[in-house]
Amino acid sequence: MKQDENPEIIIQGYILQVNGDSMLIGVDLNRMDYEWLKDEIQQIDFSKYAIEFIRLEGVINEEYKIGNKIEAIIKGGITGSNPGRAQVKDIKRLDIPEAR
């Protein structure tokens, strides 16, 4: 049986950079991975990492800051690789409030 629709692609990750109407995220990073990468991001050779990096385009940046954990639904697919590029259909923050 042939499907007419492509299933939605949903990704999660930490925001590493915000530029204009795009942001770079590290997919499936945990907090420790994020802390390790955040200060190195300007010098990173993306091809040397097993981590998947994606530049999300079409986002409203005032709502999202470096260090936020997000979940995004991708419009279409992801093109290129490390970093890939994708258009955002929907995005939300997943930050967990710190324990007090």
PDB file of N, CA and C in Angstrom:
ATOM      1  N   MET A   1       0.841  -1.169   0.000  1.00  0.00           N
ATOM      2  CA  MET A   1       0.000   0.000   0.000  1.00  0.00           C
ATOM      3  C   MET A   1       0.895   1.244   0.000  1.00  0.00           C
ATOM      4  N   LYS A   2       0.584   2.192  -0.841  1.00  0.00           N
ATOM      5  CA  LYS A   2       1.378   3.401  -0.981  1.00  0.00           C
ATOM      6  C   LYS A   2       0.784   4.522  -0.130  1.00  0.00           C
ATOM      7  N   GLN A   3       1.661   5.228   0.606  1.00  0.00           N
ATOM      8  CA  GLN A   3       1.210   6.360   1.410  1.00  0.00           C
ATOM      9  C   GLN A   3       1.297   7.628   0.576  1.00  0.00           C
ATOM     10  N   ASP A   4       0.275   8.485   0.708  1.00  0.00           N
ATOM     11  CA  ASP A   4       0.264   9.753  -0.006  1.00  0.00           C
ATOM     12  C   ASP A   4       0.988  10.854   0.756  1.00  0.00           C
ATOM     13  N   GLU A   5       1.059  10.749   2.072  1.00  0.00           N
ATOM     14  CA  GLU A   5       1.684  11.788   2.885  1.00  0.00           C
ATOM     15  C   GLU A   5       2.983  11.291   3.490  1.00  0.00           C
ATOM     16  N   ASN A   6       3.933  12.188   3.617  1.00  0.00           N
ATOM     17  CA  ASN A   6       5.158  11.872   4.327  1.00  0.00           C
ATOM     18  C   ASN A   6       4.909  12.050   5.817  1.00  0.00           C
ATOM     19  N   PRO A   7       5.419  11.137   6.636  1.00  0.00           N
ATOM     20  CA  PRO A   7       5.258  11.341   8.077  1.00  0.00           C
ATOM     21  C   PRO A   7       6.033  12.580   8.512  1.00  0.00           C
ATOM     22  N   GLU A   8       5.537  13.228   9.574  1.00  0.00           N
ATOM     23  CA  GLU A   8       6.219  14.417  10.072  1.00  0.00           C
ATOM     24  C   GLU A   8       7.563  14.040  10.683  1.00  0.00           C
ATOM     25  N   ILE A   9       8.535  14.894  10.463  1.00  0.00           N
ATOM     26  CA  ILE A   9       9.843  14.727  11.086  1.00  0.00           C
ATOM     27  C   ILE A   9       9.859  15.628  12.312  1.00  0.00           C
ATOM     28  N   ILE A  10      10.091  15.029  13.472  1.00  0.00           N
ATOM     29  CA  ILE A  10      10.144  15.775  14.727  1.00  0.00           C
ATOM     30  C   ILE A  10      11.542  15.601  15.301  1.00  0.00           C
ATOM     31  N   ILE A  11      12.182  16.723  15.619  1.00  0.00           N
ATOM     32  CA  ILE A  11      13.517  16.672  16.201  1.00  0.00           C
ATOM     33  C   ILE A  11      13.539  17.451  17.510  1.00  0.00           C
ATOM     34  N   GLN A  12      14.462  17.085  18.376  1.00  0.00           N
ATOM     35  CA  GLN A  12      14.682  17.795  19.628  1.00  0.00           C
ATOM     36  C   GLN A  12      16.159  18.111  19.745  1.00  0.00           C
ATOM     37  N   GLY A  13      16.472  19.207  20.404  1.00  0.00           N
ATOM     38  CA  GLY A  13      17.870  19.537  20.620  1.00  0.00           C
ATOM     39  C   GLY A  13      18.027  20.857  21.341  1.00  0.00           C
ATOM     40  N   TYR A  14      19.283  21.188  21.632  1.00  0.00           N
ATOM     41  CA  TYR A  14      19.620  22.449  22.284  1.00  0.00           C
ATOM     42  C   TYR A  14      20.055  23.469  21.244  1.00  0.00           C
ATOM     43  N   ILE A  15      19.649  24.715  21.452  1.00  0.00           N
ATOM     44  CA  ILE A  15      20.026  25.806  20.554  1.00  0.00           C
ATOM     45  C   ILE A  15      21.475  26.192  20.854  1.00  0.00           C
ATOM     46  N   LEU A  16      22.304  26.172  19.803  1.00  0.00           N
ATOM     47  CA  LEU A  16      23.722  26.516  19.933  1.00  0.00           C
ATOM     48  C   LEU A  16      24.040  27.889  19.365  1.00  0.00           C
ATOM     49  N   GLN A  17      23.275  28.334  18.359  1.00  0.00           N
ATOM     50  CA  GLN A  17      23.457  29.653  17.750  1.00  0.00           C
ATOM     51  C   GLN A  17      22.107  30.165  17.295  1.00  0.00           C
ATOM     52  N   VAL A  18      21.963  31.491  17.296  1.00  0.00           N
ATOM     53  CA  VAL A  18      20.784  32.153  16.744  1.00  0.00           C
ATOM     54  C   VAL A  18      21.291  33.237  15.800  1.00  0.00           C
ATOM     55  N   ASN A  19      20.874  33.168  14.525  1.00  0.00           N
ATOM     56  CA  ASN A  19      21.311  34.131  13.500  1.00  0.00           C
ATOM     57  C   ASN A  19      20.110  34.528  12.651  1.00  0.00           C
ATOM     58  N   GLY A  20      19.716  35.802  12.703  1.00  0.00           N
ATOM     59  CA  GLY A  20      18.595  36.249  11.881  1.00  0.00           C
ATOM     60  C   GLY A  20      17.350  35.442  12.165  1.00  0.00           C
ATOM     61  N   ASP A  21      16.785  34.803  11.112  1.00  0.00           N
ATOM     62  CA  ASP A  21      15.584  33.989  11.318  1.00  0.00           C
ATOM     63  C   ASP A  21      15.919  32.497  11.318  1.00  0.00           C
ATOM     64  N   SER A  22      17.159  32.165  11.711  1.00  0.00           N
ATOM     65  CA  SER A  22      17.543  30.754  11.789  1.00  0.00           C
ATOM     66  C   SER A  22      18.263  30.477  13.104  1.00  0.00           C
ATOM     67  N   MET A  23      18.330  29.206  13.448  1.00  0.00           N
ATOM     68  CA  MET A  23      19.064  28.788  14.637  1.00  0.00           C
ATOM     69  C   MET A  23      19.733  27.455  14.356  1.00  0.00           C
ATOM     70  N   LEU A  24      20.881  27.256  14.967  1.00  0.00           N
ATOM     71  CA  LEU A  24      21.617  26.004  14.857  1.00  0.00           C
ATOM     72  C   LEU A  24      21.339  25.204  16.110  1.00  0.00           C
ATOM     73  N   ILE A  25      20.937  23.948  15.930  1.00  0.00           N
ATOM     74  CA  ILE A  25      20.710  23.087  17.091  1.00  0.00           C
ATOM     75  C   ILE A  25      21.555  21.829  16.966  1.00  0.00           C
ATOM     76  N   GLY A  26      21.884  21.283  18.108  1.00  0.00           N
ATOM     77  CA  GLY A  26      22.511  19.969  18.191  1.00  0.00           C
ATOM     78  C   GLY A  26      21.395  18.996  18.521  1.00  0.00           C
ATOM     79  N   VAL A  27      21.156  18.050  17.637  1.00  0.00           N
ATOM     80  CA  VAL A  27      20.027  17.126  17.782  1.00  0.00           C
ATOM     81  C   VAL A  27      20.329  16.085  18.850  1.00  0.00           C
ATOM     82  N   ASP A  28      19.344  15.860  19.701  1.00  0.00           N
ATOM     83  CA  ASP A  28      19.394  14.838  20.747  1.00  0.00           C
ATOM     84  C   ASP A  28      20.547  15.010  21.732  1.00  0.00           C
ATOM     85  N   LEU A  29      20.995  16.239  21.913  1.00  0.00           N
ATOM     86  CA  LEU A  29      22.024  16.490  22.921  1.00  0.00           C
ATOM     87  C   LEU A  29      21.411  16.387  24.312  1.00  0.00           C
ATOM     88  N   ASN A  30      22.186  15.924  25.268  1.00  0.00           N
ATOM     89  CA  ASN A  30      21.750  16.054  26.652  1.00  0.00           C
ATOM     90  C   ASN A  30      22.398  17.321  27.203  1.00  0.00           C
ATOM     91  N   ARG A  31      22.090  17.685  28.417  1.00  0.00           N
ATOM     92  CA  ARG A  31      22.587  18.939  28.980  1.00  0.00           C
ATOM     93  C   ARG A  31      24.121  18.950  29.080  1.00  0.00           C
ATOM     94  N   MET A  32      24.709  17.807  29.403  1.00  0.00           N
ATOM     95  CA  MET A  32      26.160  17.732  29.514  1.00  0.00           C
ATOM     96  C   MET A  32      26.815  17.951  28.137  1.00  0.00           C
ATOM     97  N   ASP A  33      26.259  17.342  27.084  1.00  0.00           N
ATOM     98  CA  ASP A  33      26.778  17.557  25.729  1.00  0.00           C
ATOM     99  C   ASP A  33      26.686  19.028  25.359  1.00  0.00           C
ATOM    100  N   TYR A  34      25.545  19.650  25.666  1.00  0.00           N
ATOM    101  CA  TYR A  34      25.361  21.068  25.356  1.00  0.00           C
ATOM    102  C   TYR A  34      26.425  21.921  26.057  1.00  0.00           C
ATOM    103  N   GLU A  35      26.625  21.694  27.347  1.00  0.00           N
ATOM    104  CA  GLU A  35      27.597  22.483  28.113  1.00  0.00           C
ATOM    105  C   GLU A  35      29.003  22.333  27.532  1.00  0.00           C
ATOM    106  N   TRP A  36      29.319  21.144  27.054  1.00  0.00           N
ATOM    107  CA  TRP A  36      30.629  20.866  26.479  1.00  0.00           C
ATOM    108  C   TRP A  36      30.802  21.587  25.138  1.00  0.00           C
ATOM    109  N   LEU A  37      29.744  21.673  24.330  1.00  0.00           N
ATOM    110  CA  LEU A  37      29.824  22.265  22.992  1.00  0.00           C
ATOM    111  C   LEU A  37      29.637  23.774  22.945  1.00  0.00           C
ATOM    112  N   LYS A  38      28.883  24.345  23.866  1.00  0.00           N
ATOM    113  CA  LYS A  38      28.441  25.736  23.739  1.00  0.00           C
ATOM    114  C   LYS A  38      29.582  26.734  23.564  1.00  0.00           C
ATOM    115  N   ASP A  39      30.698  26.537  24.234  1.00  0.00           N
ATOM    116  CA  ASP A  39      31.807  27.481  24.131  1.00  0.00           C
ATOM    117  C   ASP A  39      32.714  27.187  22.937  1.00  0.00           C
ATOM    118  N   GLU A  40      32.580  26.024  22.344  1.00  0.00           N
ATOM    119  CA  GLU A  40      33.426  25.604  21.229  1.00  0.00           C
ATOM    120  C   GLU A  40      32.765  25.827  19.869  1.00  0.00           C
ATOM    121  N   ILE A  41      31.504  26.215  19.835  1.00  0.00           N
ATOM    122  CA  ILE A  41      30.710  26.203  18.604  1.00  0.00           C
ATOM    123  C   ILE A  41      31.312  27.056  17.488  1.00  0.00           C
ATOM    124  N   GLN A  42      31.969  28.151  17.795  1.00  0.00           N
ATOM    125  CA  GLN A  42      32.545  29.002  16.755  1.00  0.00           C
ATOM    126  C   GLN A  42      33.697  28.324  16.022  1.00  0.00           C
ATOM    127  N   GLN A  43      34.401  27.407  16.667  1.00  0.00           N
ATOM    128  CA  GLN A  43      35.558  26.755  16.071  1.00  0.00           C
ATOM    129  C   GLN A  43      35.286  25.316  15.624  1.00  0.00           C
ATOM    130  N   ILE A  44      34.074  24.843  15.757  1.00  0.00           N
ATOM    131  CA  ILE A  44      33.771  23.433  15.487  1.00  0.00           C
ATOM    132  C   ILE A  44      33.863  23.110  14.003  1.00  0.00           C
ATOM    133  N   ASP A  45      34.517  21.984  13.711  1.00  0.00           N
ATOM    134  CA  ASP A  45      34.473  21.378  12.385  1.00  0.00           C
ATOM    135  C   ASP A  45      33.367  20.325  12.481  1.00  0.00           C
ATOM    136  N   PHE A  46      32.171  20.682  12.006  1.00  0.00           N
ATOM    137  CA  PHE A  46      30.995  19.838  12.180  1.00  0.00           C
ATOM    138  C   PHE A  46      31.198  18.414  11.656  1.00  0.00           C
ATOM    139  N   SER A  47      32.017  18.253  10.625  1.00  0.00           N
ATOM    140  CA  SER A  47      32.216  16.930  10.027  1.00  0.00           C
ATOM    141  C   SER A  47      32.953  15.968  10.958  1.00  0.00           C
ATOM    142  N   LYS A  48      33.583  16.475  11.989  1.00  0.00           N
ATOM    143  CA  LYS A  48      34.357  15.631  12.904  1.00  0.00           C
ATOM    144  C   LYS A  48      33.532  15.106  14.080  1.00  0.00           C
ATOM    145  N   TYR A  49      32.252  15.438  14.127  1.00  0.00           N
ATOM    146  CA  TYR A  49      31.409  15.024  15.247  1.00  0.00           C
ATOM    147  C   TYR A  49      30.355  14.013  14.802  1.00  0.00           C
ATOM    148  N   ALA A  50      30.048  13.086  15.687  1.00  0.00           N
ATOM    149  CA  ALA A  50      28.981  12.123  15.429  1.00  0.00           C
ATOM    150  C   ALA A  50      27.617  12.740  15.741  1.00  0.00           C
ATOM    151  N   ILE A  51      27.610  13.931  16.310  1.00  0.00           N
ATOM    152  CA  ILE A  51      26.384  14.643  16.644  1.00  0.00           C
ATOM    153  C   ILE A  51      25.789  15.224  15.369  1.00  0.00           C
ATOM    154  N   GLU A  52      24.471  15.168  15.257  1.00  0.00           N
ATOM    155  CA  GLU A  52      23.796  15.773  14.105  1.00  0.00           C
ATOM    156  C   GLU A  52      23.469  17.230  14.435  1.00  0.00           C
ATOM    157  N   PHE A  53      23.896  18.129  13.560  1.00  0.00           N
ATOM    158  CA  PHE A  53      23.606  19.545  13.692  1.00  0.00           C
ATOM    159  C   PHE A  53      22.663  19.946  12.567  1.00  0.00           C
ATOM    160  N   ILE A  54      21.655  20.759  12.896  1.00  0.00           N
ATOM    161  CA  ILE A  54      20.694  21.214  11.887  1.00  0.00           C
ATOM    162  C   ILE A  54      20.460  22.708  12.070  1.00  0.00           C
ATOM    163  N   ARG A  55      20.469  23.436  10.954  1.00  0.00           N
ATOM    164  CA  ARG A  55      20.117  24.854  10.957  1.00  0.00           C
ATOM    165  C   ARG A  55      18.634  24.934  10.631  1.00  0.00           C
ATOM    166  N   LEU A  56      17.850  25.351  11.618  1.00  0.00           N
ATOM    167  CA  LEU A  56      16.410  25.509  11.448  1.00  0.00           C
ATOM    168  C   LEU A  56      16.133  26.913  10.941  1.00  0.00           C
ATOM    169  N   GLU A  57      15.330  27.028   9.904  1.00  0.00           N
ATOM    170  CA  GLU A  57      15.029  28.321   9.302  1.00  0.00           C
ATOM    171  C   GLU A  57      13.550  28.633   9.442  1.00  0.00           C
ATOM    172  N   GLY A  58      13.249  29.936   9.499  1.00  0.00           N
ATOM    173  CA  GLY A  58      11.868  30.384   9.600  1.00  0.00           C
ATOM    174  C   GLY A  58      11.335  30.393  11.019  1.00  0.00           C
ATOM    175  N   VAL A  59      12.188  30.669  11.981  1.00  0.00           N
ATOM    176  CA  VAL A  59      11.767  30.689  13.382  1.00  0.00           C
ATOM    177  C   VAL A  59      11.719  32.126  13.888  1.00  0.00           C
ATOM    178  N   ILE A  60      10.956  32.350  14.947  1.00  0.00           N
ATOM    179  CA  ILE A  60      10.872  33.668  15.569  1.00  0.00           C
ATOM    180  C   ILE A  60      11.895  33.683  16.695  1.00  0.00           C
ATOM    181  N   ASN A  61      13.011  34.368  16.483  1.00  0.00           N
ATOM    182  CA  ASN A  61      14.150  34.266  17.382  1.00  0.00           C
ATOM    183  C   ASN A  61      13.992  34.965  18.724  1.00  0.00           C
ATOM    184  N   GLU A  62      13.135  35.963  18.833  1.00  0.00           N
ATOM    185  CA  GLU A  62      13.011  36.640  20.121  1.00  0.00           C
ATOM    186  C   GLU A  62      12.553  35.675  21.204  1.00  0.00           C
ATOM    187  N   GLU A  63      11.841  34.637  20.832  1.00  0.00           N
ATOM    188  CA  GLU A  63      11.317  33.688  21.806  1.00  0.00           C
ATOM    189  C   GLU A  63      12.332  32.628  22.205  1.00  0.00           C
ATOM    190  N   TYR A  64      13.364  32.459  21.407  1.00  0.00           N
ATOM    191  CA  TYR A  64      14.308  31.356  21.610  1.00  0.00           C
ATOM    192  C   TYR A  64      15.716  31.887  21.801  1.00  0.00           C
ATOM    193  N   LYS A  65      16.390  31.365  22.800  1.00  0.00           N
ATOM    194  CA  LYS A  65      17.735  31.816  23.155  1.00  0.00           C
ATOM    195  C   LYS A  65      18.697  30.633  23.136  1.00  0.00           C
ATOM    196  N   ILE A  66      19.979  30.936  23.028  1.00  0.00           N
ATOM    197  CA  ILE A  66      21.006  29.908  23.122  1.00  0.00           C
ATOM    198  C   ILE A  66      20.839  29.193  24.457  1.00  0.00           C
ATOM    199  N   GLY A  67      20.865  27.882  24.413  1.00  0.00           N
ATOM    200  CA  GLY A  67      20.711  27.075  25.624  1.00  0.00           C
ATOM    201  C   GLY A  67      19.310  26.530  25.834  1.00  0.00           C
ATOM    202  N   ASN A  68      18.303  27.070  25.111  1.00  0.00           N
ATOM    203  CA  ASN A  68      16.954  26.515  25.219  1.00  0.00           C
ATOM    204  C   ASN A  68      16.913  25.134  24.575  1.00  0.00           C
ATOM    205  N   LYS A  69      16.172  24.229  25.178  1.00  0.00           N
ATOM    206  CA  LYS A  69      15.911  22.936  24.549  1.00  0.00           C
ATOM    207  C   LYS A  69      14.592  23.081  23.799  1.00  0.00           C
ATOM    208  N   ILE A  70      14.574  22.637  22.542  1.00  0.00           N
ATOM    209  CA  ILE A  70      13.376  22.799  21.716  1.00  0.00           C
ATOM    210  C   ILE A  70      12.973  21.478  21.059  1.00  0.00           C
ATOM    211  N   GLU A  71      11.727  21.457  20.637  1.00  0.00           N
ATOM    212  CA  GLU A  71      11.218  20.388  19.782  1.00  0.00           C
ATOM    213  C   GLU A  71      10.639  21.067  18.559  1.00  0.00           C
ATOM    214  N   ALA A  72      11.008  20.589  17.374  1.00  0.00           N
ATOM    215  CA  ALA A  72      10.547  21.215  16.137  1.00  0.00           C
ATOM    216  C   ALA A  72       9.956  20.172  15.200  1.00  0.00           C
ATOM    217  N   ILE A  73       8.867  20.557  14.546  1.00  0.00           N
ATOM    218  CA  ILE A  73       8.295  19.757  13.466  1.00  0.00           C
ATOM    219  C   ILE A  73       8.813  20.376  12.178  1.00  0.00           C
ATOM    220  N   ILE A  74       9.402  19.552  11.340  1.00  0.00           N
ATOM    221  CA  ILE A  74      10.039  19.999  10.104  1.00  0.00           C
ATOM    222  C   ILE A  74       9.040  19.995   8.959  1.00  0.00           C
ATOM    223  N   LYS A  75       9.073  21.079   8.166  1.00  0.00           N
ATOM    224  CA  LYS A  75       8.246  21.183   6.965  1.00  0.00           C
ATOM    225  C   LYS A  75       9.054  20.609   5.812  1.00  0.00           C
ATOM    226  N   GLY A  76       8.572  19.535   5.199  1.00  0.00           N
ATOM    227  CA  GLY A  76       9.340  18.893   4.133  1.00  0.00           C
ATOM    228  C   GLY A  76      10.360  17.954   4.730  1.00  0.00           C
ATOM    229  N   GLY A  77      11.623  18.150   4.387  1.00  0.00           N
ATOM    230  CA  GLY A  77      12.676  17.281   4.894  1.00  0.00           C
ATOM    231  C   GLY A  77      13.895  18.078   5.289  1.00  0.00           C
ATOM    232  N   ILE A  78      14.945  17.372   5.633  1.00  0.00           N
ATOM    233  CA  ILE A  78      16.212  17.975   6.018  1.00  0.00           C
ATOM    234  C   ILE A  78      17.170  17.798   4.844  1.00  0.00           C
ATOM    235  N   THR A  79      17.779  18.895   4.402  1.00  0.00           N
ATOM    236  CA  THR A  79      18.712  18.821   3.284  1.00  0.00           C
ATOM    237  C   THR A  79      20.137  19.013   3.783  1.00  0.00           C
ATOM    238  N   GLY A  80      21.083  18.452   3.068  1.00  0.00           N
ATOM    239  CA  GLY A  80      22.480  18.575   3.451  1.00  0.00           C
ATOM    240  C   GLY A  80      22.784  17.753   4.686  1.00  0.00           C
ATOM    241  N   SER A  81      24.014  17.877   5.133  1.00  0.00           N
ATOM    242  CA  SER A  81      24.383  17.151   6.345  1.00  0.00           C
ATOM    243  C   SER A  81      25.441  17.925   7.114  1.00  0.00           C
ATOM    244  N   ASN A  82      25.359  17.872   8.363  1.00  0.00           N
ATOM    245  CA  ASN A  82      26.242  18.439   9.373  1.00  0.00           C
ATOM    246  C   ASN A  82      26.901  19.759   9.025  1.00  0.00           C
ATOM    247  N   PRO A  83      26.215  20.855   9.116  1.00  0.00           N
ATOM    248  CA  PRO A  83      24.814  20.954   9.538  1.00  0.00           C
ATOM    249  C   PRO A  83      23.853  20.825   8.361  1.00  0.00           C
ATOM    250  N   GLY A  84      22.759  20.134   8.625  1.00  0.00           N
ATOM    251  CA  GLY A  84      21.673  20.068   7.655  1.00  0.00           C
ATOM    252  C   GLY A  84      20.868  21.352   7.732  1.00  0.00           C
ATOM    253  N   ARG A  85      19.912  21.497   6.815  1.00  0.00           N
ATOM    254  CA  ARG A  85      19.020  22.666   6.811  1.00  0.00           C
ATOM    255  C   ARG A  85      17.586  22.170   6.737  1.00  0.00           C
ATOM    256  N   ALA A  86      16.695  22.881   7.446  1.00  0.00           N
ATOM    257  CA  ALA A  86      15.295  22.499   7.450  1.00  0.00           C
ATOM    258  C   ALA A  86      14.414  23.709   7.736  1.00  0.00           C
ATOM    259  N   GLN A  87      13.236  23.721   7.146  1.00  0.00           N
ATOM    260  CA  GLN A  87      12.220  24.738   7.428  1.00  0.00           C
ATOM    261  C   GLN A  87      11.357  24.242   8.579  1.00  0.00           C
ATOM    262  N   VAL A  88      11.054  25.125   9.499  1.00  0.00           N
ATOM    263  CA  VAL A  88      10.256  24.772  10.669  1.00  0.00           C
ATOM    264  C   VAL A  88       8.776  24.947  10.367  1.00  0.00           C
ATOM    265  N   LYS A  89       8.008  23.918  10.673  1.00  0.00           N
ATOM    266  CA  LYS A  89       6.549  23.997  10.576  1.00  0.00           C
ATOM    267  C   LYS A  89       5.977  24.458  11.918  1.00  0.00           C
ATOM    268  N   ASP A  90       6.528  23.918  13.011  1.00  0.00           N
ATOM    269  CA  ASP A  90       6.092  24.280  14.356  1.00  0.00           C
ATOM    270  C   ASP A  90       7.268  24.045  15.297  1.00  0.00           C
ATOM    271  N   ILE A  91       7.352  24.854  16.335  1.00  0.00           N
ATOM    272  CA  ILE A  91       8.457  24.743  17.283  1.00  0.00           C
ATOM    273  C   ILE A  91       7.957  25.106  18.673  1.00  0.00           C
ATOM    274  N   LYS A  92       8.518  24.440  19.699  1.00  0.00           N
ATOM    275  CA  LYS A  92       8.177  24.783  21.079  1.00  0.00           C
ATOM    276  C   LYS A  92       9.370  24.517  21.969  1.00  0.00           C
ATOM    277  N   ARG A  93       9.412  25.246  23.081  1.00  0.00           N
ATOM    278  CA  ARG A  93      10.475  25.055  24.069  1.00  0.00           C
ATOM    279  C   ARG A  93      10.164  23.864  24.964  1.00  0.00           C
ATOM    280  N   LEU A  94      11.207  23.142  25.337  1.00  0.00           N
ATOM    281  CA  LEU A  94      11.065  21.990  26.238  1.00  0.00           C
ATOM    282  C   LEU A  94      11.852  22.170  27.518  1.00  0.00           C
ATOM    283  N   ASP A  95      12.303  23.403  27.778  1.00  0.00           N
ATOM    284  CA  ASP A  95      13.125  23.637  28.956  1.00  0.00           C
ATOM    285  C   ASP A  95      12.421  23.139  30.214  1.00  0.00           C
ATOM    286  N   ILE A  96      13.191  22.499  31.053  1.00  0.00           N
ATOM    287  CA  ILE A  96      12.669  22.022  32.326  1.00  0.00           C
ATOM    288  C   ILE A  96      13.086  23.011  33.395  1.00  0.00           C
ATOM    289  N   PRO A  97      12.132  23.534  34.172  1.00  0.00           N
ATOM    290  CA  PRO A  97      12.515  24.476  35.233  1.00  0.00           C
ATOM    291  C   PRO A  97      13.499  23.828  36.197  1.00  0.00           C
ATOM    292  N   GLU A  98      14.480  24.592  36.628  1.00  0.00           N
ATOM    293  CA  GLU A  98      15.476  24.068  37.562  1.00  0.00           C
ATOM    294  C   GLU A  98      14.830  23.819  38.929  1.00  0.00           C
ATOM    295  N   ALA A  99      15.285  22.763  39.597  1.00  0.00           N
ATOM    296  CA  ALA A  99      14.774  22.441  40.937  1.00  0.00           C
ATOM    297  C   ALA A  99      15.249  23.497  41.916  1.00  0.00           C
ATOM    298  N   ARG A 100      14.409  23.800  42.865  1.00  0.00           N
ATOM    299  CA  ARG A 100      14.760  24.796  43.879  1.00  0.00           C
ATOM    300  C   ARG A 100      14.956  24.140  45.202  1.00  0.00           C
TER     301      ARG A 100
END
